[in-house]
Amino acid sequence: MRRDLVVSRVTLCLVRQRILEPLLERFKSLDELQNALAEFPDRFIEVIGPFVCKRLGLFDSLNPWIFHNALQHRDAGQDTVHVMPYSRTLLISLCLLAASMPAAAQGDAERVSLFSEISFDNEPETAKQASAEPYGSKDTRFYMLGTTLAPDFTGNVDASIHGQYTYFLIDDFEVGVEAAFWGFFQENNTVGLSSSLVMRYHFYQARRWSAFAELGIGVLIATDNVPDDGTNFNLMPRAGAGITYQLFEDRNTRLITGLRWHHISNARLAGEERNPARDAPGLYVGLLYEF
């Protein structure tokens, strides 16, 4: 008890020295001091009110009632000391509550600072952040532009520039179509166009990269026989594996690379003697763009 009494006396002395005496020195008379104190609640409501209501998560209910009505009564020239006693009492009580509790959840539970939130605007500012879907999410779509190089180690090299459109039917599984322009460097060089169906399953996902396995089948039409003893119409099955890597933190642009089985044959459509086929490892690289 004695300790509490000493603390109370010290507190009263500090209030008198730090608050009351400076106020009496500043104002010439008690009437002038009373008028200044009478205007304090309205300034308190105008400046501190929005911060308190936001801190308690009460913008939709209390703030319009306390803040706007207080300003309307003040602008109308009414006696602000007696117009809204209940509002002032409630707001001061809310200030004490706001000082003793954490900020109300706003989006991702961001901290609310008095100095950053005091504003004379009537409407609070809200920030919206668009969150991108994780790579491989269902219903996401990608376009790829890339190139393939496939040497068969007997002097023949197949190279292409291709574009792909893929769509994730379910999480981590995508299907798509590919169009490619080919150059076949063989005894009789030639070019051709192919169209393929591709499927990829991303069996491993990390924060910025994924690993996948792929299958596909396509058709090829060339201006000359491919291989040299084959036909100008061929089938192009494929199987392989690869990885993707997210290049930028703020968008889902990815590098894709992999190694696949590169095969060209006509499935004996022109007979066994016209189906020499070609097998080679196909190394490819490209860029994936989400849209």
Foldseek 3Di string as FASTA:
>chain_A
DVVVVVVVVVVVVCCCVPPVVVLPVVDVDPVVSVVVVQCVLLVCCQFVVVLLCQQAVNCVPLNCVLHVVLVVCVVVVDRSSPPCPVSSVVSVVSVVVSVVDFGDQDPPSDHRDSVVQGDNDPDDDHDDDDDDDPPQAAFWKKKKWKKKWWDQPPQKIKIKTKMWIWGRNHRQKIKIKMKIKMWIDDPDTWIKIKIKIKIWGFPDDDPFKTKIKMWMKMWIAIPAAVPNLAGRIWMWIKIWMWMWGQDDPVFRKIKIKIKMWTKIFHVQPVHPRRTPITITIMIMIIIMHID
